[in-house]
Amino acid sequence: MVDIRPSTPADAARVVEIWNRAVDATHDFLTPQDRAAIGAEVEGFLPAAPLVLAVDADDRPLGFMLVDGSHMEALFIDPDSRGQGVGRALVAYALASQPELTTDVNEQNAQAVGFYERMGFAATGRSDLDGQGRPYPLIHLRRRGG
């Protein structure tokens, strides 16, 4: 069982670690140069972002989510905690207040695409470039039946 709570400044190093571990486990399509550039951007932004964390019984973050309005900007789960309901718990938390939740997912990240499909999201469109203009296509998703 996981608990959900807002992030605090004390969580900064752990959320960056989760992001790095999750990306290394699921984003093998990134070029080394893009991986490094995105990592630098994330390390500058993520620690101060208003994240929602899934934490274990010892209050150790297992995953995090960033929601802006009704759009989930980020969902990253530590690879050691995948398949244990952490992502599902975070998405359920977001859906409780935003039933029309949308998100974008890298088309090349088949694991994430499958997760969102299992969570009831459906494709509403596609972009050839990611949000920073890099050549990583995005699938735009919306929760079905929200």
N, C-alpha and C. Protein backbone atom coordinates (compact mmCIF):
# COMPACT_ATOMS: atom_id res chain seq x y z
N MET A 1 0.84 -1.19 0.00
CA MET A 1 0.00 0.00 0.00
C MET A 1 0.88 1.25 0.00
N VAL A 2 0.50 2.20 -0.78
CA VAL A 2 1.24 3.46 -0.85
C VAL A 2 0.37 4.58 -0.31
N ASP A 3 1.03 5.59 0.19
CA ASP A 3 0.36 6.83 0.58
C ASP A 3 0.69 7.87 -0.47
N ILE A 4 -0.17 8.86 -0.58
CA ILE A 4 0.01 9.95 -1.53
C ILE A 4 0.15 11.23 -0.71
N ARG A 5 1.16 12.01 -1.08
CA ARG A 5 1.36 13.30 -0.40
C ARG A 5 2.06 14.28 -1.33
N PRO A 6 1.98 15.59 -1.01
CA PRO A 6 2.72 16.57 -1.79
C PRO A 6 4.22 16.44 -1.53
N SER A 7 5.01 16.84 -2.49
CA SER A 7 6.46 16.84 -2.31
C SER A 7 6.87 18.01 -1.42
N THR A 8 8.06 17.88 -0.85
CA THR A 8 8.66 18.95 -0.05
C THR A 8 10.08 19.16 -0.57
N PRO A 9 10.73 20.24 -0.19
CA PRO A 9 12.12 20.43 -0.63
C PRO A 9 13.04 19.28 -0.23
N ALA A 10 12.74 18.60 0.86
CA ALA A 10 13.56 17.47 1.31
C ALA A 10 13.50 16.29 0.33
N ASP A 11 12.51 16.26 -0.55
CA ASP A 11 12.34 15.16 -1.50
C ASP A 11 13.13 15.36 -2.79
N ALA A 12 13.77 16.51 -2.96
CA ALA A 12 14.37 16.88 -4.24
C ALA A 12 15.32 15.84 -4.79
N ALA A 13 16.28 15.40 -3.99
CA ALA A 13 17.27 14.44 -4.50
C ALA A 13 16.61 13.12 -4.90
N ARG A 14 15.64 12.68 -4.12
CA ARG A 14 14.99 11.40 -4.42
C ARG A 14 14.14 11.50 -5.69
N VAL A 15 13.43 12.61 -5.91
CA VAL A 15 12.62 12.68 -7.13
C VAL A 15 13.50 12.75 -8.38
N VAL A 16 14.63 13.42 -8.28
CA VAL A 16 15.55 13.43 -9.42
C VAL A 16 16.10 12.02 -9.65
N GLU A 17 16.40 11.31 -8.57
CA GLU A 17 16.87 9.92 -8.70
C GLU A 17 15.81 9.05 -9.37
N ILE A 18 14.56 9.20 -8.93
CA ILE A 18 13.46 8.42 -9.54
C ILE A 18 13.38 8.74 -11.03
N TRP A 19 13.42 10.02 -11.38
CA TRP A 19 13.33 10.40 -12.79
C TRP A 19 14.46 9.74 -13.59
N ASN A 20 15.69 9.85 -13.10
CA ASN A 20 16.83 9.27 -13.81
C ASN A 20 16.68 7.76 -13.96
N ARG A 21 16.32 7.08 -12.90
CA ARG A 21 16.19 5.62 -12.96
C ARG A 21 15.05 5.21 -13.89
N ALA A 22 13.94 5.92 -13.83
CA ALA A 22 12.79 5.59 -14.67
C ALA A 22 13.10 5.83 -16.14
N VAL A 23 13.74 6.95 -16.44
CA VAL A 23 14.07 7.25 -17.84
C VAL A 23 15.09 6.24 -18.36
N ASP A 24 16.07 5.91 -17.56
CA ASP A 24 17.07 4.93 -18.00
C ASP A 24 16.42 3.57 -18.27
N ALA A 25 15.35 3.25 -17.55
CA ALA A 25 14.68 1.95 -17.72
C ALA A 25 13.69 1.93 -18.87
N THR A 26 13.20 3.09 -19.30
CA THR A 26 12.09 3.09 -20.26
C THR A 26 12.31 3.94 -21.51
N HIS A 27 13.32 4.80 -21.52
CA HIS A 27 13.49 5.73 -22.63
C HIS A 27 14.77 5.43 -23.42
N ASP A 28 14.95 4.19 -23.81
CA ASP A 28 16.15 3.80 -24.55
C ASP A 28 16.19 4.39 -25.95
N PHE A 29 15.12 5.03 -26.37
CA PHE A 29 15.07 5.65 -27.69
C PHE A 29 15.74 7.02 -27.72
N LEU A 30 16.03 7.61 -26.56
CA LEU A 30 16.69 8.92 -26.54
C LEU A 30 18.15 8.80 -26.96
N THR A 31 18.62 9.76 -27.73
CA THR A 31 20.05 9.79 -28.03
C THR A 31 20.79 10.16 -26.75
N PRO A 32 22.04 9.77 -26.61
CA PRO A 32 22.80 10.16 -25.41
C PRO A 32 22.84 11.67 -25.21
N GLN A 33 22.94 12.42 -26.29
CA GLN A 33 22.98 13.88 -26.18
C GLN A 33 21.65 14.43 -25.67
N ASP A 34 20.55 13.91 -26.21
CA ASP A 34 19.24 14.38 -25.75
C ASP A 34 18.97 13.93 -24.32
N ARG A 35 19.38 12.72 -23.98
CA ARG A 35 19.20 12.24 -22.60
C ARG A 35 19.92 13.17 -21.62
N ALA A 36 21.14 13.57 -21.96
CA ALA A 36 21.91 14.47 -21.09
C ALA A 36 21.27 15.85 -21.02
N ALA A 37 20.83 16.37 -22.15
CA ALA A 37 20.21 17.70 -22.17
C ALA A 37 18.90 17.72 -21.39
N ILE A 38 18.07 16.71 -21.60
CA ILE A 38 16.81 16.63 -20.88
C ILE A 38 17.07 16.45 -19.39
N GLY A 39 18.05 15.63 -19.06
CA GLY A 39 18.40 15.43 -17.65
C GLY A 39 18.80 16.72 -16.97
N ALA A 40 19.58 17.54 -17.66
CA ALA A 40 19.99 18.83 -17.09
C ALA A 40 18.78 19.74 -16.88
N GLU A 41 17.86 19.75 -17.84
CA GLU A 41 16.65 20.56 -17.70
C GLU A 41 15.83 20.09 -16.50
N VAL A 42 15.68 18.78 -16.38
CA VAL A 42 14.88 18.20 -15.30
C VAL A 42 15.51 18.50 -13.94
N GLU A 43 16.81 18.36 -13.85
CA GLU A 43 17.47 18.63 -12.56
C GLU A 43 17.33 20.08 -12.14
N GLY A 44 17.17 20.99 -13.10
CA GLY A 44 16.96 22.39 -12.77
C GLY A 44 15.53 22.71 -12.40
N PHE A 45 14.59 21.92 -12.88
CA PHE A 45 13.17 22.20 -12.71
C PHE A 45 12.50 21.35 -11.64
N LEU A 46 12.78 20.06 -11.66
CA LEU A 46 12.01 19.10 -10.87
C LEU A 46 12.02 19.36 -9.36
N PRO A 47 13.15 19.68 -8.74
CA PRO A 47 13.14 19.85 -7.28
C PRO A 47 12.17 20.90 -6.76
N ALA A 48 11.88 21.92 -7.54
CA ALA A 48 10.98 22.98 -7.08
C ALA A 48 9.55 22.81 -7.61
N ALA A 49 9.31 21.78 -8.41
CA ALA A 49 7.98 21.58 -8.99
C ALA A 49 7.00 21.08 -7.93
N PRO A 50 5.72 21.44 -8.08
CA PRO A 50 4.70 20.99 -7.13
C PRO A 50 4.25 19.56 -7.45
N LEU A 51 5.00 18.61 -6.99
CA LEU A 51 4.76 17.20 -7.31
C LEU A 51 3.83 16.54 -6.30
N VAL A 52 3.21 15.48 -6.75
CA VAL A 52 2.47 14.58 -5.88
C VAL A 52 3.29 13.29 -5.84
N LEU A 53 3.57 12.82 -4.63
CA LEU A 53 4.41 11.63 -4.46
C LEU A 53 3.59 10.44 -3.98
N ALA A 54 4.00 9.27 -4.42
CA ALA A 54 3.56 8.01 -3.82
C ALA A 54 4.72 7.56 -2.95
N VAL A 55 4.44 7.34 -1.66
CA VAL A 55 5.49 6.98 -0.71
C VAL A 55 5.15 5.66 -0.02
N ASP A 56 6.21 4.96 0.42
CA ASP A 56 6.02 3.71 1.14
C ASP A 56 5.76 3.99 2.62
N ALA A 57 5.67 2.94 3.42
CA ALA A 57 5.38 3.07 4.85
C ALA A 57 6.44 3.87 5.59
N ASP A 58 7.65 3.93 5.04
CA ASP A 58 8.73 4.71 5.65
C ASP A 58 8.82 6.13 5.08
N ASP A 59 7.82 6.53 4.31
CA ASP A 59 7.74 7.85 3.68
C ASP A 59 8.81 8.04 2.60
N ARG A 60 9.31 6.96 2.04
CA ARG A 60 10.28 7.04 0.95
C ARG A 60 9.53 7.11 -0.37
N PRO A 61 9.78 8.16 -1.17
CA PRO A 61 9.09 8.27 -2.45
C PRO A 61 9.41 7.10 -3.39
N LEU A 62 8.35 6.58 -4.00
CA LEU A 62 8.44 5.48 -4.96
C LEU A 62 8.15 5.95 -6.38
N GLY A 63 7.46 7.06 -6.49
CA GLY A 63 7.08 7.62 -7.77
C GLY A 63 6.50 9.00 -7.58
N PHE A 64 6.36 9.72 -8.68
CA PHE A 64 5.80 11.06 -8.60
C PHE A 64 5.02 11.41 -9.85
N MET A 65 4.20 12.43 -9.66
CA MET A 65 3.33 12.90 -10.73
C MET A 65 3.31 14.43 -10.65
N LEU A 66 3.20 15.07 -11.81
CA LEU A 66 3.02 16.51 -11.89
C LEU A 66 1.76 16.76 -12.70
N VAL A 67 0.79 17.41 -12.09
CA VAL A 67 -0.47 17.72 -12.76
C VAL A 67 -0.63 19.23 -12.80
N ASP A 68 -0.96 19.74 -13.99
CA ASP A 68 -1.22 21.16 -14.17
C ASP A 68 -2.64 21.28 -14.70
N GLY A 69 -3.56 21.71 -13.85
CA GLY A 69 -4.97 21.75 -14.24
C GLY A 69 -5.48 20.34 -14.44
N SER A 70 -5.96 20.06 -15.64
CA SER A 70 -6.45 18.70 -15.94
C SER A 70 -5.45 17.92 -16.80
N HIS A 71 -4.20 18.40 -16.87
CA HIS A 71 -3.19 17.72 -17.69
C HIS A 71 -2.08 17.17 -16.81
N MET A 72 -1.85 15.88 -16.92
CA MET A 72 -0.75 15.24 -16.21
C MET A 72 0.52 15.44 -17.04
N GLU A 73 1.39 16.29 -16.53
CA GLU A 73 2.63 16.64 -17.23
C GLU A 73 3.69 15.55 -17.09
N ALA A 74 3.65 14.82 -15.99
CA ALA A 74 4.69 13.82 -15.73
C ALA A 74 4.17 12.74 -14.79
N LEU A 75 4.61 11.53 -15.03
CA LEU A 75 4.38 10.39 -14.14
C LEU A 75 5.60 9.49 -14.27
N PHE A 76 6.35 9.36 -13.19
CA PHE A 76 7.56 8.55 -13.20
C PHE A 76 7.58 7.67 -11.95
N ILE A 77 7.86 6.40 -12.15
CA ILE A 77 7.89 5.42 -11.07
C ILE A 77 9.27 4.79 -11.02
N ASP A 78 9.83 4.66 -9.82
CA ASP A 78 11.12 3.99 -9.67
C ASP A 78 10.98 2.58 -10.24
N PRO A 79 11.93 2.13 -11.06
CA PRO A 79 11.82 0.79 -11.66
C PRO A 79 11.65 -0.32 -10.63
N ASP A 80 12.21 -0.18 -9.45
CA ASP A 80 12.05 -1.20 -8.41
C ASP A 80 10.62 -1.28 -7.88
N SER A 81 9.82 -0.27 -8.16
CA SER A 81 8.44 -0.24 -7.66
C SER A 81 7.40 -0.43 -8.76
N ARG A 82 7.84 -0.62 -9.99
CA ARG A 82 6.89 -0.82 -11.08
C ARG A 82 6.14 -2.12 -10.91
N GLY A 83 4.89 -2.12 -11.36
CA GLY A 83 4.06 -3.31 -11.27
C GLY A 83 3.49 -3.55 -9.89
N GLN A 84 3.61 -2.58 -8.99
CA GLN A 84 3.13 -2.74 -7.62
C GLN A 84 1.97 -1.79 -7.31
N GLY A 85 1.39 -1.16 -8.33
CA GLY A 85 0.24 -0.29 -8.13
C GLY A 85 0.57 1.16 -7.83
N VAL A 86 1.85 1.53 -7.90
CA VAL A 86 2.25 2.90 -7.58
C VAL A 86 1.71 3.87 -8.63
N GLY A 87 1.93 3.59 -9.89
CA GLY A 87 1.41 4.45 -10.95
C GLY A 87 -0.10 4.50 -10.95
N ARG A 88 -0.72 3.35 -10.74
CA ARG A 88 -2.18 3.29 -10.69
C ARG A 88 -2.71 4.16 -9.56
N ALA A 89 -2.05 4.13 -8.40
CA ALA A 89 -2.49 4.94 -7.26
C ALA A 89 -2.37 6.44 -7.56
N LEU A 90 -1.28 6.83 -8.20
CA LEU A 90 -1.11 8.24 -8.54
C LEU A 90 -2.14 8.70 -9.56
N VAL A 91 -2.38 7.91 -10.58
CA VAL A 91 -3.37 8.28 -11.59
C VAL A 91 -4.76 8.33 -10.96
N ALA A 92 -5.09 7.38 -10.10
CA ALA A 92 -6.40 7.40 -9.42
C ALA A 92 -6.55 8.66 -8.58
N TYR A 93 -5.48 9.07 -7.93
CA TYR A 93 -5.50 10.30 -7.13
C TYR A 93 -5.82 11.50 -8.02
N ALA A 94 -5.17 11.58 -9.17
CA ALA A 94 -5.42 12.69 -10.09
C ALA A 94 -6.84 12.64 -10.64
N LEU A 95 -7.31 11.46 -10.98
CA LEU A 95 -8.65 11.33 -11.55
C LEU A 95 -9.75 11.71 -10.56
N ALA A 96 -9.48 11.57 -9.27
CA ALA A 96 -10.48 11.92 -8.26
C ALA A 96 -10.86 13.40 -8.34
N SER A 97 -9.92 14.24 -8.73
CA SER A 97 -10.22 15.67 -8.83
C SER A 97 -10.29 16.15 -10.29
N GLN A 98 -9.77 15.37 -11.21
CA GLN A 98 -9.74 15.75 -12.63
C GLN A 98 -10.20 14.56 -13.49
N PRO A 99 -11.50 14.27 -13.52
CA PRO A 99 -11.96 13.09 -14.26
C PRO A 99 -11.72 13.15 -15.77
N GLU A 100 -11.49 14.34 -16.31
CA GLU A 100 -11.19 14.49 -17.73
C GLU A 100 -9.68 14.64 -17.94
N LEU A 101 -8.91 13.89 -17.21
CA LEU A 101 -7.45 13.99 -17.23
C LEU A 101 -6.88 13.68 -18.62
N THR A 102 -5.92 14.52 -19.02
CA THR A 102 -5.20 14.30 -20.27
C THR A 102 -3.72 14.13 -19.94
N THR A 103 -2.99 13.56 -20.88
CA THR A 103 -1.55 13.45 -20.76
C THR A 103 -0.97 13.20 -22.14
N ASP A 104 0.33 13.28 -22.23
CA ASP A 104 1.06 12.94 -23.45
C ASP A 104 2.06 11.86 -23.10
N VAL A 105 2.32 10.98 -24.05
CA VAL A 105 3.28 9.90 -23.81
C VAL A 105 4.16 9.76 -25.06
N ASN A 106 5.43 9.49 -24.83
CA ASN A 106 6.32 9.24 -25.97
C ASN A 106 5.85 7.99 -26.70
N GLU A 107 5.67 8.12 -27.99
CA GLU A 107 5.21 7.01 -28.81
C GLU A 107 6.14 5.80 -28.71
N GLN A 108 7.45 6.07 -28.57
CA GLN A 108 8.43 4.98 -28.51
C GLN A 108 8.47 4.26 -27.16
N ASN A 109 7.77 4.79 -26.16
CA ASN A 109 7.76 4.19 -24.84
C ASN A 109 6.56 3.25 -24.74
N ALA A 110 6.70 2.06 -25.32
CA ALA A 110 5.59 1.11 -25.41
C ALA A 110 5.06 0.71 -24.04
N GLN A 111 5.93 0.63 -23.04
CA GLN A 111 5.48 0.27 -21.70
C GLN A 111 4.50 1.30 -21.16
N ALA A 112 4.83 2.57 -21.34
CA ALA A 112 3.96 3.64 -20.84
C ALA A 112 2.66 3.70 -21.65
N VAL A 113 2.75 3.54 -22.96
CA VAL A 113 1.55 3.54 -23.79
C VAL A 113 0.59 2.45 -23.29
N GLY A 114 1.11 1.26 -23.05
CA GLY A 114 0.29 0.16 -22.56
C GLY A 114 -0.32 0.46 -21.19
N PHE A 115 0.46 1.06 -20.31
CA PHE A 115 -0.04 1.43 -18.98
C PHE A 115 -1.24 2.36 -19.11
N TYR A 116 -1.09 3.41 -19.90
CA TYR A 116 -2.18 4.37 -20.03
C TYR A 116 -3.41 3.74 -20.67
N GLU A 117 -3.21 2.86 -21.63
CA GLU A 117 -4.36 2.17 -22.23
C GLU A 117 -5.08 1.34 -21.17
N ARG A 118 -4.32 0.63 -20.33
CA ARG A 118 -4.93 -0.17 -19.25
C ARG A 118 -5.65 0.71 -18.24
N MET A 119 -5.20 1.94 -18.10
CA MET A 119 -5.83 2.87 -17.16
C MET A 119 -7.04 3.59 -17.78
N GLY A 120 -7.40 3.24 -19.00
CA GLY A 120 -8.59 3.79 -19.62
C GLY A 120 -8.39 5.04 -20.45
N PHE A 121 -7.14 5.35 -20.79
CA PHE A 121 -6.87 6.51 -21.64
C PHE A 121 -6.97 6.10 -23.10
N ALA A 122 -7.39 7.03 -23.93
CA ALA A 122 -7.48 6.80 -25.38
C ALA A 122 -6.76 7.92 -26.11
N ALA A 123 -6.18 7.58 -27.24
CA ALA A 123 -5.47 8.57 -28.05
C ALA A 123 -6.45 9.57 -28.63
N THR A 124 -6.04 10.85 -28.57
CA THR A 124 -6.85 11.92 -29.17
C THR A 124 -6.08 12.65 -30.26
N GLY A 125 -4.81 12.32 -30.41
CA GLY A 125 -3.99 12.97 -31.42
C GLY A 125 -2.54 12.56 -31.29
N ARG A 126 -1.71 13.15 -32.14
CA ARG A 126 -0.30 12.80 -32.17
C ARG A 126 0.49 14.01 -32.65
N SER A 127 1.68 14.16 -32.11
CA SER A 127 2.61 15.20 -32.56
C SER A 127 3.91 14.53 -32.98
N ASP A 128 4.52 15.01 -34.05
CA ASP A 128 5.78 14.44 -34.52
C ASP A 128 6.95 14.79 -33.60
N LEU A 129 6.83 15.90 -32.86
CA LEU A 129 7.91 16.37 -31.99
C LEU A 129 7.43 16.42 -30.55
N ASP A 130 8.39 16.31 -29.62
CA ASP A 130 8.03 16.46 -28.22
C ASP A 130 7.85 17.93 -27.88
N GLY A 131 7.57 18.24 -26.63
CA GLY A 131 7.28 19.59 -26.22
C GLY A 131 8.43 20.56 -26.38
N GLN A 132 9.66 20.05 -26.50
CA GLN A 132 10.83 20.89 -26.70
C GLN A 132 11.29 20.89 -28.16
N GLY A 133 10.49 20.32 -29.04
CA GLY A 133 10.82 20.32 -30.45
C GLY A 133 11.79 19.23 -30.87
N ARG A 134 12.00 18.26 -30.02
CA ARG A 134 12.89 17.14 -30.37
C ARG A 134 12.11 16.09 -31.15
N PRO A 135 12.79 15.29 -31.94
CA PRO A 135 12.11 14.33 -32.81
C PRO A 135 11.66 13.05 -32.09
N TYR A 136 10.89 13.24 -31.03
CA TYR A 136 10.32 12.11 -30.28
C TYR A 136 8.81 12.27 -30.27
N PRO A 137 8.12 11.55 -31.17
CA PRO A 137 6.67 11.73 -31.30
C PRO A 137 5.91 11.48 -29.99
N LEU A 138 4.87 12.27 -29.82
CA LEU A 138 4.01 12.16 -28.66
C LEU A 138 2.63 11.70 -29.08
N ILE A 139 2.03 10.87 -28.25
CA ILE A 139 0.62 10.52 -28.40
C ILE A 139 -0.12 11.32 -27.33
N HIS A 140 -1.15 12.04 -27.73
CA HIS A 140 -1.97 12.82 -26.81
C HIS A 140 -3.12 11.92 -26.35
N LEU A 141 -3.32 11.86 -25.05
CA LEU A 141 -4.29 10.94 -24.47
C LEU A 141 -5.29 11.68 -23.60
N ARG A 142 -6.49 11.11 -23.54
CA ARG A 142 -7.53 11.59 -22.62
C ARG A 142 -8.18 10.36 -21.98
N ARG A 143 -8.52 10.51 -20.73
CA ARG A 143 -9.18 9.41 -20.04
C ARG A 143 -10.58 9.19 -20.63
N ARG A 144 -10.84 7.97 -21.06
CA ARG A 144 -12.15 7.61 -21.59
C ARG A 144 -13.18 7.59 -20.46
N GLY A 145 -14.38 8.00 -20.79
CA GLY A 145 -15.47 7.87 -19.84
C GLY A 145 -15.30 8.70 -18.59
N GLY A 146 -14.42 9.70 -18.64
CA GLY A 146 -14.18 10.53 -17.47
C GLY A 146 -15.36 11.27 -17.11
